Protein backbone atom coordinates (compact mmCIF):
# COMPACT_ATOMS: atom_id res chain seq x y z
CA MET A 1 74.37 -29.42 23.28
CA LEU A 2 73.66 -27.61 20.00
CA ALA A 3 69.89 -28.00 20.51
CA ALA A 4 70.19 -26.54 23.99
CA ALA A 5 72.18 -23.56 22.67
CA MET A 6 69.64 -22.88 19.94
CA ALA A 7 66.79 -23.11 22.47
CA GLY A 8 68.59 -20.57 24.63
CA VAL A 9 68.97 -18.20 21.68
CA LEU A 10 65.28 -18.51 20.80
CA LEU A 11 64.18 -17.91 24.38
CA ALA A 12 66.41 -14.86 24.60
CA GLY A 13 65.03 -13.63 21.30
CA CYS A 14 61.54 -13.51 22.80
CA ALA A 15 62.58 -10.79 25.27
CA SER A 16 62.43 -7.08 24.52
CA VAL A 17 64.17 -4.85 27.03
CA GLY A 18 62.83 -1.47 28.04
CA PRO A 19 59.36 -0.44 29.25
CA ASP A 20 56.22 -1.90 27.71
CA TYR A 21 53.82 0.83 26.64
CA HIS A 22 50.33 1.12 28.10
CA ALA A 23 48.07 3.88 26.81
CA PRO A 24 46.98 6.36 29.50
CA LEU A 25 43.48 5.73 30.80
CA GLN A 26 41.08 8.65 30.67
CA PRO A 27 37.67 8.71 32.39
CA PRO A 28 34.58 9.73 30.40
CA VAL A 29 34.43 13.46 29.83
CA GLN A 30 31.68 15.45 31.54
CA LEU A 31 31.39 18.88 29.91
CA GLN A 32 29.91 21.64 32.05
CA GLY A 33 28.74 23.70 29.08
CA LEU A 34 26.31 21.00 27.93
CA ALA A 35 23.83 22.06 30.60
CA ASP A 36 22.92 25.13 28.53
CA PRO A 37 19.65 24.75 26.56
CA ALA A 38 21.51 25.88 23.43
CA PHE A 39 22.74 22.27 23.09
CA SER A 40 21.11 18.89 22.77
CA THR A 41 22.30 15.29 22.90
CA ALA A 42 20.69 14.47 19.55
CA THR A 43 23.01 13.02 16.97
CA SER A 44 23.09 12.52 13.22
CA LEU A 45 25.02 10.50 10.67
CA VAL A 46 25.72 13.49 8.44
CA SER A 47 28.80 15.71 8.58
CA TRP A 48 28.53 18.74 10.82
CA TRP A 49 28.49 21.33 8.03
CA SER A 50 25.26 19.79 6.74
CA GLN A 51 23.53 21.23 9.81
CA PHE A 52 23.59 24.64 8.12
CA ASP A 53 21.63 23.49 5.03
CA ASP A 54 23.88 25.60 2.81
CA PRO A 55 24.83 23.95 -0.53
CA VAL A 56 27.59 26.48 -1.21
CA LEU A 57 29.23 25.74 2.14
CA ALA A 58 28.98 22.00 1.52
CA GLN A 59 30.57 22.41 -1.92
CA LEU A 60 33.41 24.47 -0.48
CA VAL A 61 34.15 22.03 2.35
CA HIS A 62 34.17 19.00 0.06
CA GLY A 63 36.40 20.86 -2.39
CA ALA A 64 38.86 21.75 0.36
CA LEU A 65 38.96 18.19 1.72
CA ALA A 66 39.84 16.99 -1.77
CA ASP A 67 42.35 19.62 -2.94
CA ASN A 68 43.75 21.53 0.04
CA LEU A 69 47.56 21.67 -0.05
CA ASP A 70 48.01 21.23 3.70
CA LEU A 71 46.13 17.95 3.35
CA ARG A 72 48.44 16.88 0.54
CA ILE A 73 51.43 17.64 2.77
CA ALA A 74 49.92 15.64 5.65
CA LEU A 75 49.10 12.75 3.31
CA ALA A 76 52.70 12.73 2.03
CA ARG A 77 53.91 12.50 5.64
CA VAL A 78 51.65 9.50 6.21
CA ARG A 79 53.12 7.76 3.18
CA MET A 80 56.63 8.57 4.33
CA ALA A 81 55.91 7.22 7.83
CA ARG A 82 54.45 4.05 6.34
CA ALA A 83 57.60 3.53 4.27
CA VAL A 84 59.80 4.06 7.33
CA PHE A 85 57.74 1.54 9.29
CA SER A 86 57.96 -1.03 6.48
CA GLU A 87 61.72 -0.60 6.27
CA GLN A 88 62.15 -0.84 10.04
CA ARG A 89 60.06 -4.00 10.22
CA LEU A 90 62.15 -5.62 7.48
CA GLU A 91 65.29 -4.90 9.52
CA GLN A 92 64.33 -7.89 11.69
CA ALA A 93 64.73 -10.30 8.76
CA PRO A 94 67.95 -11.44 7.03
CA HIS A 95 69.15 -9.21 4.21
CA VAL A 96 70.25 -11.05 1.06
CA THR A 97 71.91 -9.27 -1.85
CA ALA A 98 73.20 -10.60 -5.15
CA ILE A 99 76.86 -9.93 -5.80
CA GLY A 100 79.10 -10.24 -8.83
CA SER A 101 82.64 -8.89 -9.00
CA GLN A 102 85.88 -9.07 -10.91
CA ASP A 103 89.24 -8.32 -9.29
CA ARG A 104 92.30 -7.73 -11.45
CA ARG A 105 95.50 -6.48 -9.88
CA LYS A 106 99.25 -6.30 -10.34
CA GLN A 107 101.29 -5.77 -7.20
CA PRO A 108 104.55 -6.74 -5.49
CA ASP A 109 104.59 -10.28 -4.08
CA PRO A 110 106.68 -10.49 -0.85
CA ALA A 111 106.85 -14.29 -1.21
CA ARG A 112 108.70 -13.84 -4.53
CA GLY A 113 111.17 -11.23 -3.36
CA GLY A 114 109.00 -8.27 -4.24
CA GLU A 115 108.54 -9.28 -7.82
CA ARG A 116 105.37 -7.79 -9.29
CA SER A 117 102.77 -10.38 -10.12
CA PHE A 118 99.40 -10.32 -11.85
CA SER A 119 96.28 -11.93 -10.38
CA GLU A 120 92.67 -12.15 -11.45
CA SER A 121 89.60 -13.45 -9.58
CA TYR A 122 85.85 -13.58 -10.10
CA GLN A 123 83.02 -13.81 -7.59
CA LEU A 124 79.34 -14.58 -8.20
CA GLY A 125 76.67 -15.40 -5.62
CA PHE A 126 74.72 -14.04 -2.69
CA ASP A 127 75.76 -12.13 0.40
CA ALA A 128 73.54 -12.46 3.47
CA GLY A 129 73.53 -10.63 6.79
CA TRP A 130 71.31 -10.97 9.81
CA GLU A 131 71.41 -9.30 13.19
CA LEU A 132 69.86 -11.61 15.77
CA ASP A 133 67.43 -9.39 17.64
CA LEU A 134 68.06 -11.07 20.99
CA PHE A 135 67.13 -8.10 23.14
CA GLY A 136 64.42 -6.54 20.98
CA ARG A 137 66.31 -3.53 19.66
CA GLN A 138 64.85 -3.95 16.17
CA ARG A 139 61.41 -4.83 17.50
CA ARG A 140 61.32 -1.72 19.66
CA ALA A 141 62.44 0.37 16.68
CA ALA A 142 59.62 -1.10 14.59
CA GLU A 143 57.22 -0.43 17.46
CA ALA A 144 58.31 3.22 17.50
CA ALA A 145 57.92 3.46 13.72
CA ARG A 146 54.42 1.97 13.92
CA ALA A 147 53.45 4.53 16.56
CA GLU A 148 54.85 7.35 14.42
CA LEU A 149 52.77 6.08 11.50
CA GLY A 150 49.69 6.19 13.72
CA ALA A 151 50.59 9.73 14.79
CA GLU A 152 50.85 10.88 11.18
CA ARG A 153 47.50 9.27 10.33
CA ASP A 154 45.86 11.05 13.25
CA ASN A 155 47.62 14.25 12.25
CA LEU A 156 46.05 13.91 8.81
CA ALA A 157 42.64 13.58 10.46
CA ASP A 158 43.39 16.66 12.57
CA VAL A 159 44.32 18.64 9.46
CA GLN A 160 41.04 17.55 7.84
CA VAL A 161 39.08 18.83 10.84
CA THR A 162 41.03 22.10 10.86
CA ILE A 163 40.62 22.69 7.11
CA ALA A 164 36.86 22.06 7.18
CA ALA A 165 36.49 24.43 10.14
CA GLU A 166 38.65 27.09 8.50
CA VAL A 167 36.58 26.95 5.33
CA ALA A 168 33.33 27.30 7.29
CA ARG A 169 34.67 30.08 9.50
CA ASN A 170 35.91 32.13 6.56
CA TYR A 171 32.69 31.44 4.67
CA PHE A 172 30.48 32.78 7.46
CA GLU A 173 32.76 35.74 8.04
CA LEU A 174 32.51 36.48 4.31
CA ARG A 175 28.70 36.31 4.41
CA GLY A 176 28.67 38.54 7.48
CA THR A 177 30.87 41.09 5.74
CA GLN A 178 28.70 41.00 2.63
CA LYS A 179 25.61 41.63 4.72
CA ARG A 180 27.32 44.53 6.49
CA ILE A 181 28.16 46.00 3.07
CA ALA A 182 24.52 45.62 2.01
CA VAL A 183 23.37 47.34 5.22
CA ALA A 184 25.80 50.21 4.66
CA ARG A 185 24.70 50.66 1.05
CA GLN A 186 21.02 50.59 1.97
CA THR A 187 21.66 53.15 4.71
CA LEU A 188 23.63 55.21 2.22
CA ALA A 189 20.65 55.22 -0.16
CA ASN A 190 18.37 56.36 2.66
CA LEU A 191 20.81 59.09 3.64
CA HIS A 192 20.86 60.39 0.08
CA ASP A 193 17.10 60.86 0.39
CA THR A 194 17.61 62.60 3.70
CA GLN A 195 20.32 64.77 2.17
CA ARG A 196 17.95 65.89 -0.58
CA LEU A 197 15.24 66.55 2.00
CA THR A 198 17.50 68.79 4.10
CA GLU A 199 18.52 70.74 1.02
CA THR A 200 14.88 71.18 0.01
CA ARG A 201 13.90 72.34 3.51
CA ARG A 202 16.81 74.80 3.53
CA GLU A 203 15.71 76.24 0.19
CA LEU A 204 12.15 76.61 1.55
CA GLY A 205 13.47 78.32 4.68
CA ALA A 206 12.36 75.50 6.99
CA GLY A 207 15.85 74.08 7.45
CA SER A 208 19.37 75.28 7.99
CA GLU A 209 22.84 74.90 6.52
CA LEU A 210 23.80 73.02 9.70
CA ASP A 211 21.26 70.32 8.84
CA VAL A 212 22.59 70.05 5.31
CA GLN A 213 26.24 69.74 6.37
CA SER A 214 25.48 67.35 9.24
CA SER A 215 23.62 65.09 6.83
CA ARG A 216 26.48 65.29 4.37
CA ALA A 217 29.03 64.42 7.05
CA GLN A 218 27.00 61.37 8.09
CA LEU A 219 26.70 60.27 4.47
CA LYS A 220 30.46 60.57 3.83
CA ALA A 221 31.29 58.73 7.04
CA ILE A 222 29.33 55.72 5.82
CA GLU A 223 30.85 55.99 2.34
CA ALA A 224 34.32 55.93 3.90
CA GLY A 225 33.59 52.71 5.79
CA ILE A 226 32.40 50.72 2.78
CA PRO A 227 35.85 50.32 1.11
CA LEU A 228 37.22 48.78 4.32
CA LEU A 229 34.40 46.23 4.32
CA GLU A 230 35.02 45.53 0.64
CA VAL A 231 38.69 44.81 1.38
CA ALA A 232 37.63 42.32 4.06
CA GLU A 233 35.26 40.69 1.58
CA VAL A 234 37.97 40.33 -1.06
CA GLN A 235 40.42 38.89 1.47
CA ALA A 236 37.86 36.31 2.63
CA ARG A 237 37.15 35.22 -0.95
CA HIS A 238 40.87 34.87 -1.64
CA ARG A 239 41.39 32.90 1.58
CA LEU A 240 38.65 30.46 0.63
CA ALA A 241 40.14 29.99 -2.83
CA VAL A 242 43.56 29.17 -1.36
CA LEU A 243 41.99 26.77 1.17
CA LEU A 244 40.53 24.92 -1.82
CA GLY A 245 43.95 24.78 -3.49
CA GLN A 246 43.02 27.38 -6.12
CA ARG A 247 44.35 30.77 -7.12
CA PRO A 248 42.84 33.89 -5.49
CA GLY A 249 39.79 35.01 -7.40
CA ALA A 250 38.87 31.57 -8.72
CA LEU A 251 35.73 31.38 -6.54
CA ASP A 252 34.42 34.92 -7.04
CA GLU A 253 31.41 33.80 -9.07
CA LEU A 254 30.46 31.10 -6.56
CA LEU A 255 30.81 33.51 -3.63
CA GLN A 256 28.42 36.19 -4.85
CA PRO A 257 26.36 37.62 -1.95
CA ARG A 258 23.51 35.47 -0.67
CA GLN A 259 21.48 35.38 2.52
CA VAL A 260 22.77 32.99 5.19
CA PRO A 261 20.61 32.87 8.33
CA ALA A 262 22.08 32.40 11.76
CA PHE A 263 21.94 28.93 13.30
CA ALA A 264 18.83 29.34 15.46
CA ARG A 265 18.12 25.95 17.03
CA ALA A 266 19.65 23.73 19.68
CA LEU A 267 22.99 22.33 18.57
CA PRO A 268 22.95 18.50 18.26
CA LEU A 269 26.17 17.23 19.84
CA GLY A 270 25.53 13.54 20.40
CA ASP A 271 27.55 11.65 23.00
CA THR A 272 30.49 13.78 24.13
CA THR A 273 31.85 11.47 26.83
CA GLY A 274 34.38 10.11 24.33
CA LEU A 275 35.69 13.58 23.48
CA LEU A 276 39.34 12.64 24.01
CA ARG A 277 39.01 9.78 21.52
CA GLN A 278 37.32 12.08 19.02
CA ARG A 279 40.06 14.72 19.19
CA ALA A 280 42.72 13.83 16.63
CA ASP A 281 45.29 16.13 18.27
CA VAL A 282 44.98 14.14 21.53
CA ARG A 283 45.42 10.90 19.59
CA VAL A 284 48.53 12.35 17.94
CA ALA A 285 50.02 13.16 21.35
CA GLU A 286 49.22 9.63 22.60
CA ARG A 287 50.94 8.03 19.59
CA ARG A 288 53.99 10.28 20.07
CA LEU A 289 54.15 9.06 23.67
CA ALA A 290 54.00 5.45 22.48
CA ALA A 291 56.85 6.09 20.04
CA ALA A 292 58.99 7.79 22.68
CA THR A 293 58.42 4.87 25.09
CA ALA A 294 59.51 2.38 22.43
CA ARG A 295 62.69 4.38 21.81
CA VAL A 296 63.60 3.91 25.46
CA GLY A 297 63.67 0.20 24.68
CA VAL A 298 65.91 0.83 21.67
CA ALA A 299 68.37 2.76 23.84
CA THR A 300 68.20 0.11 26.58
CA ALA A 301 69.06 -2.65 24.09
CA ASP A 302 72.34 -0.86 23.31
CA LEU A 303 73.53 -1.93 26.79
CA PHE A 304 73.58 -5.55 25.59
CA PRO A 305 75.70 -7.31 22.97
CA ARG A 306 74.73 -7.43 19.31
CA ILE A 307 75.15 -10.75 17.53
CA ARG A 308 75.34 -10.83 13.76
CA LEU A 309 75.62 -13.56 11.16
CA ASP A 310 77.14 -12.79 7.75
CA GLY A 311 77.61 -15.29 4.97
CA PHE A 312 78.27 -15.92 1.32
CA LEU A 313 77.01 -18.60 -1.05
CA GLY A 314 78.12 -18.76 -4.66
CA PHE A 315 81.19 -19.28 -6.83
CA LEU A 316 84.80 -18.09 -6.60
CA GLY A 317 87.36 -18.61 -9.33
CA GLY A 318 90.17 -17.15 -11.33
CA ASP A 319 88.59 -17.75 -14.72
CA ALA A 320 85.34 -16.18 -15.87
CA ASP A 321 84.65 -18.96 -18.37
CA GLY A 322 84.48 -21.75 -15.83
CA LEU A 323 83.25 -19.74 -12.87
CA VAL A 324 80.01 -21.65 -12.33
CA ASN A 325 81.66 -25.10 -12.40
CA GLY A 326 81.13 -27.31 -9.39
CA GLY A 327 84.73 -26.94 -8.36
CA ASN A 328 84.29 -23.20 -7.80
CA LYS A 329 81.42 -23.52 -5.35
CA ALA A 330 82.07 -21.53 -2.20
CA TRP A 331 80.35 -20.55 1.02
CA SER A 332 81.22 -18.74 4.18
CA LEU A 333 79.55 -18.12 7.54
CA THR A 334 80.88 -15.39 9.80
CA PRO A 335 79.26 -14.92 13.20
CA SER A 336 80.29 -11.78 15.05
CA ILE A 337 79.52 -10.07 18.32
CA SER A 338 79.87 -6.42 19.24
CA TRP A 339 79.37 -4.83 22.61
CA ALA A 340 79.86 -1.30 23.89
CA ALA A 341 81.74 -2.68 26.88
CA PHE A 342 84.08 0.32 27.11
CA ASP A 343 81.58 2.93 25.94
CA PHE A 344 78.81 2.55 28.50
CA GLY A 345 79.01 6.24 29.32
CA SER A 346 77.75 7.22 25.88
CA VAL A 347 75.14 4.45 25.85
CA ARG A 348 73.77 5.46 29.25
CA ALA A 349 73.71 9.11 28.19
CA ARG A 350 71.58 8.18 25.17
CA LEU A 351 69.34 6.13 27.45
CA ARG A 352 68.86 9.09 29.79
CA ALA A 353 68.05 11.28 26.80
CA SER A 354 65.43 8.83 25.53
CA LYS A 355 63.83 8.62 28.98
CA ALA A 356 63.73 12.41 29.18
CA GLN A 357 62.11 12.50 25.75
CA ALA A 358 59.48 10.00 26.93
CA ASP A 359 58.81 12.12 30.03
CA GLY A 360 58.38 15.15 27.78
CA ALA A 361 56.00 13.23 25.51
CA ALA A 362 53.95 12.22 28.56
CA ALA A 363 53.70 15.86 29.59
CA GLU A 364 52.74 16.82 26.02
CA TYR A 365 49.94 14.27 26.13
CA GLU A 366 48.61 15.60 29.43
CA LYS A 367 48.82 19.12 28.02
CA ALA A 368 46.91 18.06 24.88
CA VAL A 369 44.15 16.61 27.08
CA LEU A 370 43.81 19.78 29.13
CA LEU A 371 43.87 22.01 26.05
CA ALA A 372 41.19 19.87 24.42
CA LEU A 373 38.94 20.22 27.45
CA GLU A 374 39.61 23.95 27.66
CA ASP A 375 38.98 24.44 23.96
CA THR A 376 35.69 22.58 24.11
CA GLU A 377 34.38 24.30 27.23
CA ASN A 378 35.31 27.70 25.81
CA ALA A 379 33.63 26.91 22.50
CA LEU A 380 30.43 25.77 24.25
CA ALA A 381 30.36 28.87 26.45
CA ARG A 382 30.94 31.23 23.54
CA CYS A 383 28.31 29.57 21.36
CA ALA A 384 25.65 29.77 24.07
CA ARG A 385 26.47 33.42 24.83
CA GLU A 386 26.56 34.36 21.15
CA GLN A 387 23.06 32.96 20.66
CA SER A 388 21.81 34.90 23.70
CA ARG A 389 23.50 38.05 22.43
CA LEU A 390 21.99 37.61 18.96
CA ALA A 391 18.47 37.70 20.42
CA ILE A 392 19.29 40.94 22.24
CA VAL A 393 20.90 42.55 19.20
CA ALA A 394 17.92 41.57 17.04
CA GLU A 395 15.57 43.35 19.45
CA GLN A 396 17.88 46.36 19.47
CA ALA A 397 17.88 46.52 15.67
CA GLN A 398 14.10 46.27 15.53
CA ALA A 399 13.73 49.09 18.05
CA ALA A 400 16.29 51.23 16.21
CA ARG A 401 14.38 50.83 12.94
CA ARG A 402 11.12 51.90 14.59
CA ALA A 403 12.86 54.88 16.18
CA GLU A 404 14.37 55.94 12.84
CA SER A 405 11.00 55.63 11.10
CA LEU A 406 9.30 57.76 13.76
CA ALA A 407 12.07 60.36 13.66
CA GLN A 408 11.78 60.51 9.87
CA VAL A 409 8.03 61.18 10.04
CA ARG A 410 8.37 63.77 12.81
CA TYR A 411 11.15 65.56 10.96
CA ARG A 412 9.11 65.72 7.75
CA GLU A 413 6.18 67.12 9.72
CA GLY A 414 8.46 69.69 11.34
CA SER A 415 7.78 68.51 14.90
CA GLU A 416 11.36 67.26 15.42
CA ASP A 417 14.71 68.83 14.63
CA PHE A 418 17.24 67.25 12.31
CA LEU A 419 19.69 66.29 15.07
CA ALA A 420 17.14 63.84 16.49
CA LEU A 421 16.72 62.26 13.05
CA LEU A 422 20.49 62.12 12.56
CA ASP A 423 20.94 60.40 15.89
CA ALA A 424 18.19 57.90 15.07
CA GLN A 425 19.82 57.09 11.72
CA ARG A 426 23.19 56.54 13.36
CA SER A 427 21.61 54.21 15.90
CA GLN A 428 19.83 52.26 13.19
CA LEU A 429 23.01 51.83 11.16
CA ALA A 430 24.97 50.71 14.22
CA ALA A 431 22.22 48.26 15.24
CA ASP A 432 21.81 46.75 11.76
CA ASP A 433 25.58 46.44 11.40
CA ALA A 434 25.82 44.79 14.83
CA LEU A 435 23.02 42.39 13.87
CA ALA A 436 24.83 41.30 10.70
CA ALA A 437 28.05 40.78 12.68
CA ALA A 438 26.20 38.92 15.46
CA GLU A 439 24.57 36.52 12.97
CA ALA A 440 27.98 35.71 11.50
CA SER A 441 29.46 35.31 15.01
CA VAL A 442 26.78 32.77 15.94
CA ASN A 443 27.58 30.65 12.90
CA VAL A 444 31.32 30.95 13.53
CA SER A 445 30.81 29.88 17.16
CA VAL A 446 28.87 26.82 16.00
CA VAL A 447 31.80 25.91 13.75
CA ALA A 448 34.15 26.30 16.73
CA VAL A 449 32.04 23.86 18.76
CA TYR A 450 32.12 21.19 16.09
CA LYS A 451 35.85 21.72 15.61
CA ALA A 452 36.42 21.41 19.37
CA LEU A 453 34.48 18.14 19.34
CA GLY A 454 37.00 16.75 16.88
CA GLY A 455 34.98 17.28 13.71
CA TRP A 456 31.69 15.81 14.94
CA GLY A 457 30.41 13.39 12.31
CA GLN A 458 33.05 14.54 9.83
CA ARG A 459 33.97 12.30 6.92
CA GLY A 460 36.70 13.09 4.45
CA PRO A 461 36.69 12.21 0.75
CA GLU A 462 36.73 8.44 0.11
CA GLU A 463 39.91 8.62 -1.94
CA THR A 464 41.78 10.36 0.89
CA VAL A 465 40.59 7.88 3.51
CA ALA A 466 41.40 4.88 1.34
CA SER A 467 44.87 6.12 0.52
CA VAL A 468 46.03 6.11 4.15
CA ARG A 469 44.75 2.70 5.23
């Protein structure tokens, strides 16, 4: 009879109530934007930022992946989730604690007519408690904790992708701003020459005061724009320093102006059919769904009884000196059962809430999938169009330079008035400025593509990866 009862308990203990989780199936992704010749299916084993062949960028990205504070926060959350999972898994095992106590009291004794009596007792041994997980409440809770740990790990990977992309984006915007400043200063130097020329022609009677003042106005307009560009440059340097976990200004020497060409070849993207597996944010949403599904099982288990065994093994006595003698050996075993038989309304309300949470997590996952596809298609479209635009802007800048050179010669020869030269100089400045901005935009759009692909080929620092395994 006892063997049959134990077999029944073991068989019941193999069951976990609530839904079993199955990860949503997603077909291979077919991206429309890949048809553009700006992209190729070539792949590489190096991280995506290496495609730019820029040692400063590589140094900045590796520094950020090692010291960024958002990464430290995400890593701390992974460690916390791991600790929660370990604790929840241990809840399935018996809990044994050592206990030692002394009880001394003086109180009225009803058996002796209310006379106050003194008593003393000692206890030494082990307390044990174990909730028999017959319906899988603890197992489902551990399953949810495991899924949350997976979500935090994937969130760490997502933060790594975001930080690397933010560093690269700010870096290329900084280089674009620095080039725009250089263009403005070079134009300013040319305008100073023009200013002196107009003054000389006025003194010789070949020019007018209108030419002099128009040239001066153009010169001051460019001077007024340079401080705004310098503010943008300073802000970008400070942003990069903070992304690397350093104080603003710490990278000023490293970030001195240097030429950074635009990415001018087909982007190698490799196999993109597994995009949804590459995107860490989609994996986070999937793990959150798994955790929410497991919590439905936890809430479902509350509909069934809980059986618990508590016990004690040790010594009990009234004298500390002889406490551990054989005569003071003691043990106890206390089985108990609890059941929310008259509180099913609250239990079912919690169950409905957990099911609603799981439905919401399923919708969040579907939303994450759609946003990932949208993000990637938009990034591909922008990158292709930015490269096409760059070619047009480069031709515009070349034509504007030729026009300015011709206008300069004709004005010096006296065959063209100053307004034509002024207009040509304005066009050249606008074209050169647009070219510098377009080159930076191309590089930023390339970064956006690799970010949308989930950090294509990205690898974080070894110490960070090892610490979350």
